[in-house]
PDB file of N, CA and C in Angstrom:
ATOM      1  N   MET A   1     -11.506  38.685 -25.625  1.00  0.00           N
ATOM      2  CA  MET A   1     -11.347  38.042 -26.905  1.00  0.00           C
ATOM      3  C   MET A   1     -11.852  39.000 -27.982  1.00  0.00           C
ATOM      4  N   ASP A   2     -11.088  39.132 -29.033  1.00  0.00           N
ATOM      5  CA  ASP A   2     -11.485  40.032 -30.108  1.00  0.00           C
ATOM      6  C   ASP A   2     -12.007  39.240 -31.303  1.00  0.00           C
ATOM      7  N   PHE A   3     -12.921  39.844 -32.018  1.00  0.00           N
ATOM      8  CA  PHE A   3     -13.525  39.199 -33.182  1.00  0.00           C
ATOM      9  C   PHE A   3     -12.691  39.492 -34.417  1.00  0.00           C
ATOM     10  N   ARG A   4     -12.342  38.428 -35.136  1.00  0.00           N
ATOM     11  CA  ARG A   4     -11.642  38.572 -36.409  1.00  0.00           C
ATOM     12  C   ARG A   4     -12.380  37.740 -37.442  1.00  0.00           C
ATOM     13  N   PRO A   5     -12.972  38.376 -38.448  1.00  0.00           N
ATOM     14  CA  PRO A   5     -13.698  37.612 -39.464  1.00  0.00           C
ATOM     15  C   PRO A   5     -12.754  36.714 -40.258  1.00  0.00           C
ATOM     16  N   LEU A   6     -13.293  35.614 -40.752  1.00  0.00           N
ATOM     17  CA  LEU A   6     -12.504  34.690 -41.563  1.00  0.00           C
ATOM     18  C   LEU A   6     -12.189  35.314 -42.913  1.00  0.00           C
ATOM     19  N   ASN A   7     -10.984  35.026 -43.415  1.00  0.00           N
ATOM     20  CA  ASN A   7     -10.701  35.449 -44.784  1.00  0.00           C
ATOM     21  C   ASN A   7     -11.377  34.444 -45.722  1.00  0.00           C
ATOM     22  N   GLU A   8     -11.375  34.713 -47.006  1.00  0.00           N
ATOM     23  CA  GLU A   8     -12.112  33.876 -47.967  1.00  0.00           C
ATOM     24  C   GLU A   8     -11.626  32.432 -47.964  1.00  0.00           C
ATOM     25  N   ASN A   9     -10.315  32.222 -47.861  1.00  0.00           N
ATOM     26  CA  ASN A   9      -9.759  30.867 -47.843  1.00  0.00           C
ATOM     27  C   ASN A   9     -10.209  30.105 -46.594  1.00  0.00           C
ATOM     28  N   GLN A  10     -10.126  30.749 -45.420  1.00  0.00           N
ATOM     29  CA  GLN A  10     -10.572  30.119 -44.171  1.00  0.00           C
ATOM     30  C   GLN A  10     -12.065  29.809 -44.225  1.00  0.00           C
ATOM     31  N   ARG A  11     -12.827  30.732 -44.759  1.00  0.00           N
ATOM     32  CA  ARG A  11     -14.269  30.552 -44.871  1.00  0.00           C
ATOM     33  C   ARG A  11     -14.603  29.334 -45.727  1.00  0.00           C
ATOM     34  N   GLN A  12     -13.930  29.191 -46.864  1.00  0.00           N
ATOM     35  CA  GLN A  12     -14.192  28.059 -47.744  1.00  0.00           C
ATOM     36  C   GLN A  12     -13.776  26.738 -47.095  1.00  0.00           C
ATOM     37  N   GLN A  13     -12.646  26.736 -46.365  1.00  0.00           N
ATOM     38  CA  GLN A  13     -12.213  25.532 -45.662  1.00  0.00           C
ATOM     39  C   GLN A  13     -13.242  25.115 -44.616  1.00  0.00           C
ATOM     40  N   LEU A  14     -13.778  26.089 -43.888  1.00  0.00           N
ATOM     41  CA  LEU A  14     -14.783  25.783 -42.874  1.00  0.00           C
ATOM     42  C   LEU A  14     -16.058  25.254 -43.506  1.00  0.00           C
ATOM     43  N   ILE A  15     -16.502  25.857 -44.584  1.00  0.00           N
ATOM     44  CA  ILE A  15     -17.699  25.379 -45.286  1.00  0.00           C
ATOM     45  C   ILE A  15     -17.492  23.952 -45.776  1.00  0.00           C
ATOM     46  N   ASP A  16     -16.323  23.662 -46.346  1.00  0.00           N
ATOM     47  CA  ASP A  16     -16.028  22.310 -46.818  1.00  0.00           C
ATOM     48  C   ASP A  16     -16.005  21.317 -45.660  1.00  0.00           C
ATOM     49  N   ALA A  17     -15.444  21.721 -44.524  1.00  0.00           N
ATOM     50  CA  ALA A  17     -15.393  20.835 -43.356  1.00  0.00           C
ATOM     51  C   ALA A  17     -16.791  20.573 -42.820  1.00  0.00           C
ATOM     52  N   LEU A  18     -17.628  21.606 -42.757  1.00  0.00           N
ATOM     53  CA  LEU A  18     -19.006  21.417 -42.291  1.00  0.00           C
ATOM     54  C   LEU A  18     -19.786  20.512 -43.232  1.00  0.00           C
ATOM     55  N   ARG A  19     -19.586  20.701 -44.522  1.00  0.00           N
ATOM     56  CA  ARG A  19     -20.254  19.843 -45.504  1.00  0.00           C
ATOM     57  C   ARG A  19     -19.757  18.396 -45.363  1.00  0.00           C
ATOM     58  N   GLY A  20     -18.447  18.211 -45.190  1.00  0.00           N
ATOM     59  CA  GLY A  20     -17.897  16.867 -45.004  1.00  0.00           C
ATOM     60  C   GLY A  20     -18.413  16.212 -43.746  1.00  0.00           C
ATOM     61  N   ASN A  21     -18.622  17.005 -42.697  1.00  0.00           N
ATOM     62  CA  ASN A  21     -19.166  16.463 -41.461  1.00  0.00           C
ATOM     63  C   ASN A  21     -20.600  16.019 -41.650  1.00  0.00           C
ATOM     64  N   ALA A  22     -21.385  16.827 -42.336  1.00  0.00           N
ATOM     65  CA  ALA A  22     -22.799  16.511 -42.533  1.00  0.00           C
ATOM     66  C   ALA A  22     -23.002  15.344 -43.487  1.00  0.00           C
ATOM     67  N   GLU A  23     -22.178  15.266 -44.525  1.00  0.00           N
ATOM     68  CA  GLU A  23     -22.394  14.255 -45.561  1.00  0.00           C
ATOM     69  C   GLU A  23     -21.570  12.979 -45.364  1.00  0.00           C
ATOM     70  N   SER A  24     -20.400  13.093 -44.732  1.00  0.00           N
ATOM     71  CA  SER A  24     -19.496  11.942 -44.651  1.00  0.00           C
ATOM     72  C   SER A  24     -18.994  11.647 -43.248  1.00  0.00           C
ATOM     73  N   ASP A  25     -19.583  12.272 -42.234  1.00  0.00           N
ATOM     74  CA  ASP A  25     -19.193  12.051 -40.834  1.00  0.00           C
ATOM     75  C   ASP A  25     -17.723  12.344 -40.568  1.00  0.00           C
ATOM     76  N   ARG A  26     -17.147  13.333 -41.261  1.00  0.00           N
ATOM     77  CA  ARG A  26     -15.761  13.725 -41.012  1.00  0.00           C
ATOM     78  C   ARG A  26     -15.711  14.595 -39.769  1.00  0.00           C
ATOM     79  N   ALA A  27     -14.653  14.438 -38.983  1.00  0.00           N
ATOM     80  CA  ALA A  27     -14.481  15.218 -37.760  1.00  0.00           C
ATOM     81  C   ALA A  27     -14.009  16.632 -38.096  1.00  0.00           C
ATOM     82  N   ILE A  28     -14.547  17.617 -37.396  1.00  0.00           N
ATOM     83  CA  ILE A  28     -14.104  19.001 -37.530  1.00  0.00           C
ATOM     84  C   ILE A  28     -13.112  19.258 -36.398  1.00  0.00           C
ATOM     85  N   LEU A  29     -11.917  19.710 -36.733  1.00  0.00           N
ATOM     86  CA  LEU A  29     -10.849  19.890 -35.757  1.00  0.00           C
ATOM     87  C   LEU A  29     -10.722  21.350 -35.341  1.00  0.00           C
ATOM     88  N   MET A  30     -10.460  21.551 -34.026  1.00  0.00           N
ATOM     89  CA  MET A  30     -10.283  22.899 -33.485  1.00  0.00           C
ATOM     90  C   MET A  30      -9.010  22.943 -32.668  1.00  0.00           C
ATOM     91  N   ASP A  31      -8.366  24.101 -32.665  1.00  0.00           N
ATOM     92  CA  ASP A  31      -7.165  24.312 -31.865  1.00  0.00           C
ATOM     93  C   ASP A  31      -7.548  24.331 -30.391  1.00  0.00           C
ATOM     94  N   ARG A  32      -6.828  23.603 -29.565  1.00  0.00           N
ATOM     95  CA  ARG A  32      -7.156  23.514 -28.140  1.00  0.00           C
ATOM     96  C   ARG A  32      -6.953  24.840 -27.411  1.00  0.00           C
ATOM     97  N   ARG A  33      -5.996  25.636 -27.887  1.00  0.00           N
ATOM     98  CA  ARG A  33      -5.665  26.866 -27.175  1.00  0.00           C
ATOM     99  C   ARG A  33      -6.667  27.979 -27.406  1.00  0.00           C
ATOM    100  N   ASP A  34      -7.150  28.114 -28.640  1.00  0.00           N
ATOM    101  CA  ASP A  34      -8.022  29.261 -28.909  1.00  0.00           C
ATOM    102  C   ASP A  34      -9.305  28.886 -29.656  1.00  0.00           C
ATOM    103  N   THR A  35      -9.585  27.610 -29.777  1.00  0.00           N
ATOM    104  CA  THR A  35     -10.785  27.061 -30.438  1.00  0.00           C
ATOM    105  C   THR A  35     -10.952  27.524 -31.878  1.00  0.00           C
ATOM    106  N   SER A  36      -9.856  27.893 -32.524  1.00  0.00           N
ATOM    107  CA  SER A  36      -9.947  28.251 -33.941  1.00  0.00           C
ATOM    108  C   SER A  36     -10.033  26.987 -34.789  1.00  0.00           C
ATOM    109  N   PHE A  37     -10.618  27.093 -35.938  1.00  0.00           N
ATOM    110  CA  PHE A  37     -10.776  25.983 -36.867  1.00  0.00           C
ATOM    111  C   PHE A  37      -9.421  25.621 -37.472  1.00  0.00           C
ATOM    112  N   ILE A  38      -9.071  24.327 -37.464  1.00  0.00           N
ATOM    113  CA  ILE A  38      -7.790  23.916 -38.048  1.00  0.00           C
ATOM    114  C   ILE A  38      -7.923  22.817 -39.089  1.00  0.00           C
ATOM    115  N   GLY A  39      -9.124  22.446 -39.463  1.00  0.00           N
ATOM    116  CA  GLY A  39      -9.276  21.467 -40.531  1.00  0.00           C
ATOM    117  C   GLY A  39     -10.306  20.399 -40.225  1.00  0.00           C
ATOM    118  N   ALA A  40     -10.247  19.339 -41.016  1.00  0.00           N
ATOM    119  CA  ALA A  40     -11.163  18.212 -40.857  1.00  0.00           C
ATOM    120  C   ALA A  40     -10.383  16.927 -41.095  1.00  0.00           C
ATOM    121  N   SER A  41     -10.900  15.840 -40.581  1.00  0.00           N
ATOM    122  CA  SER A  41     -10.189  14.573 -40.696  1.00  0.00           C
ATOM    123  C   SER A  41     -11.176  13.413 -40.736  1.00  0.00           C
ATOM    124  N   ASP A  42     -10.779  12.355 -41.441  1.00  0.00           N
ATOM    125  CA  ASP A  42     -11.599  11.143 -41.458  1.00  0.00           C
ATOM    126  C   ASP A  42     -11.461  10.372 -40.154  1.00  0.00           C
ATOM    127  N   GLU A  43     -10.283  10.451 -39.542  1.00  0.00           N
ATOM    128  CA  GLU A  43     -10.052   9.732 -38.294  1.00  0.00           C
ATOM    129  C   GLU A  43      -9.449  10.675 -37.266  1.00  0.00           C
ATOM    130  N   VAL A  44      -9.801  10.455 -36.013  1.00  0.00           N
ATOM    131  CA  VAL A  44      -9.298  11.263 -34.917  1.00  0.00           C
ATOM    132  C   VAL A  44      -8.624  10.327 -33.927  1.00  0.00           C
ATOM    133  N   THR A  45      -7.469  10.747 -33.394  1.00  0.00           N
ATOM    134  CA  THR A  45      -6.741   9.898 -32.448  1.00  0.00           C
ATOM    135  C   THR A  45      -7.453   9.840 -31.106  1.00  0.00           C
ATOM    136  N   ASP A  46      -7.153   8.814 -30.324  1.00  0.00           N
ATOM    137  CA  ASP A  46      -7.737   8.679 -28.991  1.00  0.00           C
ATOM    138  C   ASP A  46      -7.384   9.874 -28.113  1.00  0.00           C
ATOM    139  N   ASP A  47      -6.153  10.380 -28.226  1.00  0.00           N
ATOM    140  CA  ASP A  47      -5.739  11.529 -27.419  1.00  0.00           C
ATOM    141  C   ASP A  47      -6.580  12.761 -27.725  1.00  0.00           C
ATOM    142  N   GLU A  48      -6.914  12.968 -28.991  1.00  0.00           N
ATOM    143  CA  GLU A  48      -7.751  14.110 -29.360  1.00  0.00           C
ATOM    144  C   GLU A  48      -9.156  13.971 -28.793  1.00  0.00           C
ATOM    145  N   VAL A  49      -9.683  12.754 -28.795  1.00  0.00           N
ATOM    146  CA  VAL A  49     -11.022  12.514 -28.234  1.00  0.00           C
ATOM    147  C   VAL A  49     -11.009  12.762 -26.733  1.00  0.00           C
ATOM    148  N   ILE A  50     -10.000  12.240 -26.047  1.00  0.00           N
ATOM    149  CA  ILE A  50      -9.900  12.424 -24.593  1.00  0.00           C
ATOM    150  C   ILE A  50      -9.760  13.905 -24.254  1.00  0.00           C
ATOM    151  N   SER A  51      -8.947  14.618 -25.010  1.00  0.00           N
ATOM    152  CA  SER A  51      -8.772  16.057 -24.780  1.00  0.00           C
ATOM    153  C   SER A  51     -10.079  16.803 -24.979  1.00  0.00           C
ATOM    154  N   ALA A  52     -10.842  16.439 -26.009  1.00  0.00           N
ATOM    155  CA  ALA A  52     -12.129  17.090 -26.263  1.00  0.00           C
ATOM    156  C   ALA A  52     -13.102  16.835 -25.123  1.00  0.00           C
ATOM    157  N   ILE A  53     -13.128  15.615 -24.613  1.00  0.00           N
ATOM    158  CA  ILE A  53     -14.026  15.281 -23.506  1.00  0.00           C
ATOM    159  C   ILE A  53     -13.637  16.056 -22.253  1.00  0.00           C
ATOM    160  N   LYS A  54     -12.332  16.151 -21.978  1.00  0.00           N
ATOM    161  CA  LYS A  54     -11.866  16.888 -20.801  1.00  0.00           C
ATOM    162  C   LYS A  54     -12.169  18.373 -20.894  1.00  0.00           C
ATOM    163  N   SER A  55     -12.282  18.904 -22.102  1.00  0.00           N
ATOM    164  CA  SER A  55     -12.493  20.342 -22.253  1.00  0.00           C
ATOM    165  C   SER A  55     -13.941  20.761 -22.035  1.00  0.00           C
ATOM    166  N   VAL A  56     -14.866  19.798 -21.950  1.00  0.00           N
ATOM    167  CA  VAL A  56     -16.269  20.120 -21.737  1.00  0.00           C
ATOM    168  C   VAL A  56     -16.503  20.412 -20.266  1.00  0.00           C
ATOM    169  N   PRO A  57     -16.981  21.606 -19.934  1.00  0.00           N
ATOM    170  CA  PRO A  57     -17.212  21.920 -18.513  1.00  0.00           C
ATOM    171  C   PRO A  57     -18.354  21.082 -17.945  1.00  0.00           C
ATOM    172  N   CYS A  58     -18.165  20.622 -16.740  1.00  0.00           N
ATOM    173  CA  CYS A  58     -19.196  19.846 -16.046  1.00  0.00           C
ATOM    174  C   CYS A  58     -19.626  20.602 -14.809  1.00  0.00           C
ATOM    175  N   HIS A  59     -20.894  20.898 -14.681  1.00  0.00           N
ATOM    176  CA  HIS A  59     -21.405  21.670 -13.553  1.00  0.00           C
ATOM    177  C   HIS A  59     -22.410  20.841 -12.762  1.00  0.00           C
ATOM    178  N   TYR A  60     -21.998  19.673 -12.336  1.00  0.00           N
ATOM    179  CA  TYR A  60     -22.912  18.812 -11.574  1.00  0.00           C
ATOM    180  C   TYR A  60     -22.517  18.770 -10.135  1.00  0.00           C
TER     181      TYR A  60
END
């Protein structure tokens, strides 16, 4: 995996999403394929929640 810094627009979107998460409980969305930031949302679908839970590695 190679490192690519965020451009100014992406950086500001991420800062706004983090602030929205901290202040208003907005969900931060990530791309399933490469975990890149894709935005924020007030509501998340059940399928997105299930996919997020399945993506967490379990080592028990």
